[in-house]
Amino acid sequence: QAAGMDITVGKGFYRANGRCHAENNTNGQFHAVRDNAMNEIVGISMVGDMATEFVAFARTLLGTCEPIRQITFPHPTVSETIEDAVHEALGGLLFEQ
């Protein structure tokens, strides 16, 4: 926003994830940054245990939002936290056409 971009930041928290609770690992989060004008995910940030396991996957999320709608996030997995962040960044439109 400081750069003059119209953005939305979606957040996904480990503490809201069933798998993280099962593993007693609830300290962490993912952020997805959407450029609203371009309708693209332009940034992903992550912190927490296992976050580095998702770097390559998160890289594939950059760009258009359409391919994201085709991804299946298994349950229960930590990757659902990324889904939560992207879902929020898209304004809750992850599953709508």
PDB file of N, CA and C in Angstrom:
ATOM      1  N   GLN A   1       0.814  -1.183   0.000  1.00  0.00           N
ATOM      2  CA  GLN A   1       0.000   0.000   0.000  1.00  0.00           C
ATOM      3  C   GLN A   1       0.859   1.249   0.000  1.00  0.00           C
ATOM      4  N   ALA A   2       1.999   1.166   0.645  1.00  0.00           N
ATOM      5  CA  ALA A   2       2.895   2.313   0.669  1.00  0.00           C
ATOM      6  C   ALA A   2       3.421   2.626  -0.724  1.00  0.00           C
ATOM      7  N   ALA A   3       3.476   1.626  -1.593  1.00  0.00           N
ATOM      8  CA  ALA A   3       3.955   1.819  -2.960  1.00  0.00           C
ATOM      9  C   ALA A   3       2.834   2.274  -3.886  1.00  0.00           C
ATOM     10  N   GLY A   4       1.671   2.556  -3.326  1.00  0.00           N
ATOM     11  CA  GLY A   4       0.556   3.022  -4.130  1.00  0.00           C
ATOM     12  C   GLY A   4      -0.273   1.916  -4.755  1.00  0.00           C
ATOM     13  N   MET A   5      -0.026   0.688  -4.371  1.00  0.00           N
ATOM     14  CA  MET A   5      -0.792  -0.438  -4.913  1.00  0.00           C
ATOM     15  C   MET A   5      -2.060  -0.642  -4.088  1.00  0.00           C
ATOM     16  N   ASP A   6      -3.121  -1.057  -4.754  1.00  0.00           N
ATOM     17  CA  ASP A   6      -4.360  -1.440  -4.085  1.00  0.00           C
ATOM     18  C   ASP A   6      -4.250  -2.934  -3.801  1.00  0.00           C
ATOM     19  N   ILE A   7      -3.980  -3.286  -2.547  1.00  0.00           N
ATOM     20  CA  ILE A   7      -3.739  -4.687  -2.216  1.00  0.00           C
ATOM     21  C   ILE A   7      -4.694  -5.181  -1.134  1.00  0.00           C
ATOM     22  N   THR A   8      -4.831  -6.480  -1.083  1.00  0.00           N
ATOM     23  CA  THR A   8      -5.527  -7.162  -0.004  1.00  0.00           C
ATOM     24  C   THR A   8      -4.580  -8.219   0.536  1.00  0.00           C
ATOM     25  N   VAL A   9      -4.442  -8.273   1.853  1.00  0.00           N
ATOM     26  CA  VAL A   9      -3.585  -9.274   2.482  1.00  0.00           C
ATOM     27  C   VAL A   9      -4.471 -10.292   3.182  1.00  0.00           C
ATOM     28  N   GLY A  10      -4.344 -11.537   2.759  1.00  0.00           N
ATOM     29  CA  GLY A  10      -5.056 -12.626   3.414  1.00  0.00           C
ATOM     30  C   GLY A  10      -4.123 -13.329   4.373  1.00  0.00           C
ATOM     31  N   LYS A  11      -4.661 -13.794   5.484  1.00  0.00           N
ATOM     32  CA  LYS A  11      -3.836 -14.444   6.502  1.00  0.00           C
ATOM     33  C   LYS A  11      -4.398 -15.817   6.838  1.00  0.00           C
ATOM     34  N   GLY A  12      -3.490 -16.749   7.041  1.00  0.00           N
ATOM     35  CA  GLY A  12      -3.847 -18.082   7.508  1.00  0.00           C
ATOM     36  C   GLY A  12      -2.980 -18.409   8.704  1.00  0.00           C
ATOM     37  N   PHE A  13      -3.594 -18.849   9.777  1.00  0.00           N
ATOM     38  CA  PHE A  13      -2.874 -19.055  11.030  1.00  0.00           C
ATOM     39  C   PHE A  13      -2.788 -20.529  11.395  1.00  0.00           C
ATOM     40  N   TYR A  14      -1.620 -20.940  11.846  1.00  0.00           N
ATOM     41  CA  TYR A  14      -1.440 -22.316  12.320  1.00  0.00           C
ATOM     42  C   TYR A  14      -2.443 -22.624  13.433  1.00  0.00           C
ATOM     43  N   ARG A  15      -2.725 -21.664  14.290  1.00  0.00           N
ATOM     44  CA  ARG A  15      -3.605 -21.907  15.436  1.00  0.00           C
ATOM     45  C   ARG A  15      -5.039 -22.243  15.009  1.00  0.00           C
ATOM     46  N   ALA A  16      -5.376 -21.978  13.744  1.00  0.00           N
ATOM     47  CA  ALA A  16      -6.707 -22.301  13.232  1.00  0.00           C
ATOM     48  C   ALA A  16      -6.706 -23.598  12.421  1.00  0.00           C
ATOM     49  N   ASN A  17      -5.593 -24.318  12.439  1.00  0.00           N
ATOM     50  CA  ASN A  17      -5.421 -25.506  11.601  1.00  0.00           C
ATOM     51  C   ASN A  17      -5.416 -26.773  12.452  1.00  0.00           C
ATOM     52  N   GLY A  18      -6.273 -27.721  12.091  1.00  0.00           N
ATOM     53  CA  GLY A  18      -6.401 -28.962  12.849  1.00  0.00           C
ATOM     54  C   GLY A  18      -5.121 -29.778  12.912  1.00  0.00           C
ATOM     55  N   ARG A  19      -4.412 -29.875  11.802  1.00  0.00           N
ATOM     56  CA  ARG A  19      -3.164 -30.641  11.779  1.00  0.00           C
ATOM     57  C   ARG A  19      -2.134 -30.023  12.714  1.00  0.00           C
ATOM     58  N   CYS A  20      -2.048 -28.702  12.717  1.00  0.00           N
ATOM     59  CA  CYS A  20      -1.102 -28.021  13.605  1.00  0.00           C
ATOM     60  C   CYS A  20      -1.447 -28.284  15.069  1.00  0.00           C
ATOM     61  N   HIS A  21      -2.735 -28.291  15.388  1.00  0.00           N
ATOM     62  CA  HIS A  21      -3.138 -28.600  16.762  1.00  0.00           C
ATOM     63  C   HIS A  21      -2.779 -30.037  17.114  1.00  0.00           C
ATOM     64  N   ALA A  22      -3.000 -30.962  16.192  1.00  0.00           N
ATOM     65  CA  ALA A  22      -2.686 -32.370  16.442  1.00  0.00           C
ATOM     66  C   ALA A  22      -1.196 -32.569  16.700  1.00  0.00           C
ATOM     67  N   GLU A  23      -0.369 -31.740  16.086  1.00  0.00           N
ATOM     68  CA  GLU A  23       1.083 -31.830  16.248  1.00  0.00           C
ATOM     69  C   GLU A  23       1.617 -30.855  17.298  1.00  0.00           C
ATOM     70  N   ASN A  24       0.691 -30.189  18.020  1.00  0.00           N
ATOM     71  CA  ASN A  24       1.074 -29.218  19.050  1.00  0.00           C
ATOM     72  C   ASN A  24       2.053 -28.177  18.489  1.00  0.00           C
ATOM     73  N   ASN A  25       1.693 -27.643  17.329  1.00  0.00           N
ATOM     74  CA  ASN A  25       2.553 -26.713  16.596  1.00  0.00           C
ATOM     75  C   ASN A  25       1.691 -25.569  16.056  1.00  0.00           C
ATOM     76  N   THR A  26       1.255 -24.691  16.930  1.00  0.00           N
ATOM     77  CA  THR A  26       0.291 -23.663  16.530  1.00  0.00           C
ATOM     78  C   THR A  26       0.898 -22.268  16.381  1.00  0.00           C
ATOM     79  N   ASN A  27       2.212 -22.154  16.380  1.00  0.00           N
ATOM     80  CA  ASN A  27       2.861 -20.852  16.213  1.00  0.00           C
ATOM     81  C   ASN A  27       3.373 -20.699  14.789  1.00  0.00           C
ATOM     82  N   GLY A  28       2.617 -20.022  13.969  1.00  0.00           N
ATOM     83  CA  GLY A  28       3.030 -19.763  12.598  1.00  0.00           C
ATOM     84  C   GLY A  28       1.879 -19.185  11.799  1.00  0.00           C
ATOM     85  N   GLN A  29       2.211 -18.637  10.634  1.00  0.00           N
ATOM     86  CA  GLN A  29       1.176 -18.067   9.772  1.00  0.00           C
ATOM     87  C   GLN A  29       1.692 -17.871   8.353  1.00  0.00           C
ATOM     88  N   PHE A  30       0.747 -17.797   7.432  1.00  0.00           N
ATOM     89  CA  PHE A  30       1.015 -17.493   6.033  1.00  0.00           C
ATOM     90  C   PHE A  30       0.253 -16.227   5.677  1.00  0.00           C
ATOM     91  N   HIS A  31       0.842 -15.406   4.821  1.00  0.00           N
ATOM     92  CA  HIS A  31       0.164 -14.229   4.277  1.00  0.00           C
ATOM     93  C   HIS A  31       0.198 -14.335   2.759  1.00  0.00           C
ATOM     94  N   ALA A  32      -0.907 -14.024   2.124  1.00  0.00           N
ATOM     95  CA  ALA A  32      -0.982 -13.943   0.665  1.00  0.00           C
ATOM     96  C   ALA A  32      -1.363 -12.508   0.316  1.00  0.00           C
ATOM     97  N   VAL A  33      -0.608 -11.886  -0.580  1.00  0.00           N
ATOM     98  CA  VAL A  33      -0.844 -10.493  -0.965  1.00  0.00           C
ATOM     99  C   VAL A  33      -1.393 -10.469  -2.386  1.00  0.00           C
ATOM    100  N   ARG A  34      -2.562  -9.886  -2.529  1.00  0.00           N
ATOM    101  CA  ARG A  34      -3.225  -9.799  -3.835  1.00  0.00           C
ATOM    102  C   ARG A  34      -3.212  -8.361  -4.326  1.00  0.00           C
ATOM    103  N   ASP A  35      -2.790  -8.170  -5.574  1.00  0.00           N
ATOM    104  CA  ASP A  35      -2.908  -6.884  -6.255  1.00  0.00           C
ATOM    105  C   ASP A  35      -4.328  -6.847  -6.807  1.00  0.00           C
ATOM    106  N   ASN A  36      -5.176  -6.016  -6.227  1.00  0.00           N
ATOM    107  CA  ASN A  36      -6.587  -5.992  -6.609  1.00  0.00           C
ATOM    108  C   ASN A  36      -6.808  -5.518  -8.039  1.00  0.00           C
ATOM    109  N   ALA A  37      -5.995  -4.588  -8.501  1.00  0.00           N
ATOM    110  CA  ALA A  37      -6.158  -4.070  -9.859  1.00  0.00           C
ATOM    111  C   ALA A  37      -5.847  -5.134 -10.906  1.00  0.00           C
ATOM    112  N   MET A  38      -4.834  -5.942 -10.638  1.00  0.00           N
ATOM    113  CA  MET A  38      -4.417  -6.979 -11.594  1.00  0.00           C
ATOM    114  C   MET A  38      -5.058  -8.333 -11.294  1.00  0.00           C
ATOM    115  N   ASN A  39      -5.701  -8.456 -10.126  1.00  0.00           N
ATOM    116  CA  ASN A  39      -6.273  -9.722  -9.668  1.00  0.00           C
ATOM    117  C   ASN A  39      -5.226 -10.829  -9.690  1.00  0.00           C
ATOM    118  N   GLU A  40      -4.081 -10.533  -9.078  1.00  0.00           N
ATOM    119  CA  GLU A  40      -2.979 -11.489  -9.018  1.00  0.00           C
ATOM    120  C   GLU A  40      -2.427 -11.579  -7.605  1.00  0.00           C
ATOM    121  N   ILE A  41      -1.982 -12.762  -7.241  1.00  0.00           N
ATOM    122  CA  ILE A  41      -1.225 -12.929  -6.011  1.00  0.00           C
ATOM    123  C   ILE A  41       0.189 -12.458  -6.319  1.00  0.00           C
ATOM    124  N   VAL A  42       0.642 -11.426  -5.609  1.00  0.00           N
ATOM    125  CA  VAL A  42       1.953 -10.828  -5.891  1.00  0.00           C
ATOM    126  C   VAL A  42       2.969 -11.096  -4.793  1.00  0.00           C
ATOM    127  N   GLY A  43       2.535 -11.711  -3.717  1.00  0.00           N
ATOM    128  CA  GLY A  43       3.472 -12.017  -2.646  1.00  0.00           C
ATOM    129  C   GLY A  43       2.923 -13.040  -1.683  1.00  0.00           C
ATOM    130  N   ILE A  44       3.824 -13.816  -1.130  1.00  0.00           N
ATOM    131  CA  ILE A  44       3.495 -14.804  -0.102  1.00  0.00           C
ATOM    132  C   ILE A  44       4.560 -14.665   0.983  1.00  0.00           C
ATOM    133  N   SER A  45       4.143 -14.620   2.220  1.00  0.00           N
ATOM    134  CA  SER A  45       5.117 -14.675   3.308  1.00  0.00           C
ATOM    135  C   SER A  45       4.681 -15.761   4.270  1.00  0.00           C
ATOM    136  N   MET A  46       5.655 -16.350   4.929  1.00  0.00           N
ATOM    137  CA  MET A  46       5.344 -17.433   5.849  1.00  0.00           C
ATOM    138  C   MET A  46       6.360 -17.474   6.966  1.00  0.00           C
ATOM    139  N   VAL A  47       5.890 -17.863   8.127  1.00  0.00           N
ATOM    140  CA  VAL A  47       6.770 -18.030   9.278  1.00  0.00           C
ATOM    141  C   VAL A  47       6.201 -19.162  10.126  1.00  0.00           C
ATOM    142  N   GLY A  48       7.085 -19.972  10.666  1.00  0.00           N
ATOM    143  CA  GLY A  48       6.668 -21.071  11.527  1.00  0.00           C
ATOM    144  C   GLY A  48       7.338 -22.368  11.126  1.00  0.00           C
ATOM    145  N   ASP A  49       7.226 -23.362  12.004  1.00  0.00           N
ATOM    146  CA  ASP A  49       7.765 -24.679  11.694  1.00  0.00           C
ATOM    147  C   ASP A  49       7.166 -25.180  10.389  1.00  0.00           C
ATOM    148  N   MET A  50       7.951 -25.793   9.602  1.00  0.00           N
ATOM    149  CA  MET A  50       7.566 -26.379   8.318  1.00  0.00           C
ATOM    150  C   MET A  50       7.321 -25.349   7.221  1.00  0.00           C
ATOM    151  N   ALA A  51       7.468 -24.062   7.508  1.00  0.00           N
ATOM    152  CA  ALA A  51       7.216 -23.047   6.484  1.00  0.00           C
ATOM    153  C   ALA A  51       8.115 -23.247   5.273  1.00  0.00           C
ATOM    154  N   THR A  52       9.357 -23.635   5.500  1.00  0.00           N
ATOM    155  CA  THR A  52      10.276 -23.822   4.371  1.00  0.00           C
ATOM    156  C   THR A  52       9.840 -24.961   3.459  1.00  0.00           C
ATOM    157  N   GLU A  53       9.012 -25.867   3.958  1.00  0.00           N
ATOM    158  CA  GLU A  53       8.501 -26.965   3.133  1.00  0.00           C
ATOM    159  C   GLU A  53       7.552 -26.455   2.049  1.00  0.00           C
ATOM    160  N   PHE A  54       7.070 -25.228   2.191  1.00  0.00           N
ATOM    161  CA  PHE A  54       6.066 -24.696   1.277  1.00  0.00           C
ATOM    162  C   PHE A  54       6.592 -23.619   0.338  1.00  0.00           C
ATOM    163  N   VAL A  55       7.888 -23.329   0.387  1.00  0.00           N
ATOM    164  CA  VAL A  55       8.446 -22.255  -0.437  1.00  0.00           C
ATOM    165  C   VAL A  55       8.206 -22.512  -1.921  1.00  0.00           C
ATOM    166  N   ALA A  56       8.538 -23.698  -2.406  1.00  0.00           N
ATOM    167  CA  ALA A  56       8.363 -23.998  -3.833  1.00  0.00           C
ATOM    168  C   ALA A  56       6.892 -23.958  -4.216  1.00  0.00           C
ATOM    169  N   PHE A  57       6.045 -24.506  -3.366  1.00  0.00           N
ATOM    170  CA  PHE A  57       4.613 -24.482  -3.645  1.00  0.00           C
ATOM    171  C   PHE A  57       4.095 -23.047  -3.669  1.00  0.00           C
ATOM    172  N   ALA A  58       4.500 -22.248  -2.689  1.00  0.00           N
ATOM    173  CA  ALA A  58       4.040 -20.862  -2.620  1.00  0.00           C
ATOM    174  C   ALA A  58       4.454 -20.087  -3.862  1.00  0.00           C
ATOM    175  N   ARG A  59       5.610 -20.404  -4.395  1.00  0.00           N
ATOM    176  CA  ARG A  59       6.093 -19.742  -5.621  1.00  0.00           C
ATOM    177  C   ARG A  59       5.126 -19.956  -6.780  1.00  0.00           C
ATOM    178  N   THR A  60       4.496 -21.118  -6.835  1.00  0.00           N
ATOM    179  CA  THR A  60       3.552 -21.405  -7.924  1.00  0.00           C
ATOM    180  C   THR A  60       2.267 -20.599  -7.797  1.00  0.00           C
ATOM    181  N   LEU A  61       2.018 -20.020  -6.638  1.00  0.00           N
ATOM    182  CA  LEU A  61       0.803 -19.240  -6.431  1.00  0.00           C
ATOM    183  C   LEU A  61       0.906 -17.821  -6.975  1.00  0.00           C
ATOM    184  N   LEU A  62       2.130 -17.369  -7.263  1.00  0.00           N
ATOM    185  CA  LEU A  62       2.310 -16.008  -7.762  1.00  0.00           C
ATOM    186  C   LEU A  62       1.754 -15.885  -9.173  1.00  0.00           C
ATOM    187  N   GLY A  63       1.109 -14.773  -9.444  1.00  0.00           N
ATOM    188  CA  GLY A  63       0.526 -14.543 -10.764  1.00  0.00           C
ATOM    189  C   GLY A  63      -0.988 -14.612 -10.702  1.00  0.00           C
ATOM    190  N   THR A  64      -1.573 -15.027 -11.766  1.00  0.00           N
ATOM    191  CA  THR A  64      -3.029 -15.061 -11.866  1.00  0.00           C
ATOM    192  C   THR A  64      -3.666 -15.915 -10.787  1.00  0.00           C
ATOM    193  N   CYS A  65      -4.861 -15.575 -10.412  1.00  0.00           N
ATOM    194  CA  CYS A  65      -5.571 -16.308  -9.362  1.00  0.00           C
ATOM    195  C   CYS A  65      -6.275 -17.554  -9.888  1.00  0.00           C
ATOM    196  N   GLU A  66      -6.501 -17.645 -11.176  1.00  0.00           N
ATOM    197  CA  GLU A  66      -7.286 -18.759 -11.715  1.00  0.00           C
ATOM    198  C   GLU A  66      -6.725 -20.144 -11.404  1.00  0.00           C
ATOM    199  N   PRO A  67      -5.410 -20.406 -11.582  1.00  0.00           N
ATOM    200  CA  PRO A  67      -4.912 -21.751 -11.267  1.00  0.00           C
ATOM    201  C   PRO A  67      -5.088 -22.126  -9.796  1.00  0.00           C
ATOM    202  N   ILE A  68      -5.127 -21.155  -8.923  1.00  0.00           N
ATOM    203  CA  ILE A  68      -5.292 -21.426  -7.499  1.00  0.00           C
ATOM    204  C   ILE A  68      -6.631 -22.097  -7.248  1.00  0.00           C
ATOM    205  N   ARG A  69      -7.617 -21.725  -8.021  1.00  0.00           N
ATOM    206  CA  ARG A  69      -8.951 -22.297  -7.848  1.00  0.00           C
ATOM    207  C   ARG A  69      -8.983 -23.790  -8.176  1.00  0.00           C
ATOM    208  N   GLN A  70      -7.969 -24.290  -8.871  1.00  0.00           N
ATOM    209  CA  GLN A  70      -7.927 -25.693  -9.272  1.00  0.00           C
ATOM    210  C   GLN A  70      -7.178 -26.581  -8.277  1.00  0.00           C
ATOM    211  N   ILE A  71      -6.560 -25.992  -7.273  1.00  0.00           N
ATOM    212  CA  ILE A  71      -5.743 -26.753  -6.324  1.00  0.00           C
ATOM    213  C   ILE A  71      -6.630 -27.410  -5.273  1.00  0.00           C
ATOM    214  N   THR A  72      -6.362 -28.672  -5.006  1.00  0.00           N
ATOM    215  CA  THR A  72      -7.024 -29.382  -3.921  1.00  0.00           C
ATOM    216  C   THR A  72      -6.090 -29.388  -2.720  1.00  0.00           C
ATOM    217  N   PHE A  73      -6.552 -28.875  -1.615  1.00  0.00           N
ATOM    218  CA  PHE A  73      -5.774 -28.868  -0.385  1.00  0.00           C
ATOM    219  C   PHE A  73      -6.295 -29.996   0.498  1.00  0.00           C
ATOM    220  N   PRO A  74      -5.509 -31.055   0.684  1.00  0.00           N
ATOM    221  CA  PRO A  74      -5.976 -32.187   1.486  1.00  0.00           C
ATOM    222  C   PRO A  74      -6.252 -31.781   2.937  1.00  0.00           C
ATOM    223  N   HIS A  75      -7.094 -32.561   3.583  1.00  0.00           N
ATOM    224  CA  HIS A  75      -7.429 -32.316   4.990  1.00  0.00           C
ATOM    225  C   HIS A  75      -7.144 -33.574   5.790  1.00  0.00           C
ATOM    226  N   PRO A  76      -6.499 -33.479   6.907  1.00  0.00           N
ATOM    227  CA  PRO A  76      -5.910 -32.301   7.537  1.00  0.00           C
ATOM    228  C   PRO A  76      -4.443 -32.155   7.160  1.00  0.00           C
ATOM    229  N   THR A  77      -4.077 -31.011   6.645  1.00  0.00           N
ATOM    230  CA  THR A  77      -2.682 -30.714   6.321  1.00  0.00           C
ATOM    231  C   THR A  77      -2.379 -29.261   6.664  1.00  0.00           C
ATOM    232  N   VAL A  78      -1.116 -28.981   6.865  1.00  0.00           N
ATOM    233  CA  VAL A  78      -0.685 -27.610   7.145  1.00  0.00           C
ATOM    234  C   VAL A  78      -0.940 -26.727   5.924  1.00  0.00           C
ATOM    235  N   SER A  79      -0.935 -27.317   4.724  1.00  0.00           N
ATOM    236  CA  SER A  79      -1.152 -26.527   3.504  1.00  0.00           C
ATOM    237  C   SER A  79      -2.517 -25.850   3.491  1.00  0.00           C
ATOM    238  N   GLU A  80      -3.447 -26.334   4.274  1.00  0.00           N
ATOM    239  CA  GLU A  80      -4.749 -25.667   4.364  1.00  0.00           C
ATOM    240  C   GLU A  80      -4.605 -24.245   4.905  1.00  0.00           C
ATOM    241  N   THR A  81      -3.534 -23.993   5.635  1.00  0.00           N
ATOM    242  CA  THR A  81      -3.275 -22.649   6.144  1.00  0.00           C
ATOM    243  C   THR A  81      -2.983 -21.696   4.987  1.00  0.00           C
ATOM    244  N   ILE A  82      -2.284 -22.190   3.967  1.00  0.00           N
ATOM    245  CA  ILE A  82      -2.061 -21.390   2.755  1.00  0.00           C
ATOM    246  C   ILE A  82      -3.395 -21.140   2.069  1.00  0.00           C
ATOM    247  N   GLU A  83      -4.220 -22.178   1.987  1.00  0.00           N
ATOM    248  CA  GLU A  83      -5.544 -22.024   1.383  1.00  0.00           C
ATOM    249  C   GLU A  83      -6.332 -20.933   2.099  1.00  0.00           C
ATOM    250  N   ASP A  84      -6.283 -20.919   3.428  1.00  0.00           N
ATOM    251  CA  ASP A  84      -6.995 -19.891   4.193  1.00  0.00           C
ATOM    252  C   ASP A  84      -6.507 -18.489   3.834  1.00  0.00           C
ATOM    253  N   ALA A  85      -5.186 -18.327   3.720  1.00  0.00           N
ATOM    254  CA  ALA A  85      -4.614 -17.015   3.397  1.00  0.00           C
ATOM    255  C   ALA A  85      -5.030 -16.565   1.999  1.00  0.00           C
ATOM    256  N   VAL A  86      -4.946 -17.474   1.042  1.00  0.00           N
ATOM    257  CA  VAL A  86      -5.324 -17.137  -0.337  1.00  0.00           C
ATOM    258  C   VAL A  86      -6.818 -16.849  -0.415  1.00  0.00           C
ATOM    259  N   HIS A  87      -7.615 -17.658   0.262  1.00  0.00           N
ATOM    260  CA  HIS A  87      -9.064 -17.460   0.282  1.00  0.00           C
ATOM    261  C   HIS A  87      -9.403 -16.056   0.781  1.00  0.00           C
ATOM    262  N   GLU A  88      -8.769 -15.639   1.865  1.00  0.00           N
ATOM    263  CA  GLU A  88      -9.025 -14.301   2.405  1.00  0.00           C
ATOM    264  C   GLU A  88      -8.525 -13.211   1.458  1.00  0.00           C
ATOM    265  N   ALA A  89      -7.362 -13.418   0.842  1.00  0.00           N
ATOM    266  CA  ALA A  89      -6.821 -12.423  -0.096  1.00  0.00           C
ATOM    267  C   ALA A  89      -7.738 -12.234  -1.295  1.00  0.00           C
ATOM    268  N   LEU A  90      -8.430 -13.303  -1.682  1.00  0.00           N
ATOM    269  CA  LEU A  90      -9.355 -13.221  -2.814  1.00  0.00           C
ATOM    270  C   LEU A  90     -10.735 -12.740  -2.391  1.00  0.00           C
ATOM    271  N   GLY A  91     -10.866 -12.323  -1.162  1.00  0.00           N
ATOM    272  CA  GLY A  91     -12.148 -11.815  -0.686  1.00  0.00           C
ATOM    273  C   GLY A  91     -13.178 -12.901  -0.498  1.00  0.00           C
ATOM    274  N   GLY A  92     -12.722 -14.098  -0.167  1.00  0.00           N
ATOM    275  CA  GLY A  92     -13.640 -15.211   0.048  1.00  0.00           C
ATOM    276  C   GLY A  92     -14.142 -15.833  -1.230  1.00  0.00           C
ATOM    277  N   LEU A  93     -13.473 -15.576  -2.354  1.00  0.00           N
ATOM    278  CA  LEU A  93     -13.948 -16.036  -3.655  1.00  0.00           C
ATOM    279  C   LEU A  93     -13.226 -17.270  -4.170  1.00  0.00           C
ATOM    280  N   LEU A  94     -12.545 -18.004  -3.304  1.00  0.00           N
ATOM    281  CA  LEU A  94     -11.731 -19.123  -3.761  1.00  0.00           C
ATOM    282  C   LEU A  94     -12.548 -20.158  -4.514  1.00  0.00           C
ATOM    283  N   PHE A  95     -13.766 -20.410  -4.086  1.00  0.00           N
ATOM    284  CA  PHE A  95     -14.542 -21.483  -4.693  1.00  0.00           C
ATOM    285  C   PHE A  95     -15.660 -20.986  -5.594  1.00  0.00           C
ATOM    286  N   GLU A  96     -15.765 -19.684  -5.803  1.00  0.00           N
ATOM    287  CA  GLU A  96     -16.800 -19.137  -6.667  1.00  0.00           C
ATOM    288  C   GLU A  96     -16.240 -18.881  -8.054  1.00  0.00           C
ATOM    289  N   GLN A  97     -17.061 -18.985  -9.058  1.00  0.00           N
ATOM    290  CA  GLN A  97     -16.632 -18.761 -10.445  1.00  0.00           C
ATOM    291  C   GLN A  97     -16.940 -17.347 -10.874  1.00  0.00           C
TER     292      GLN A  97
END
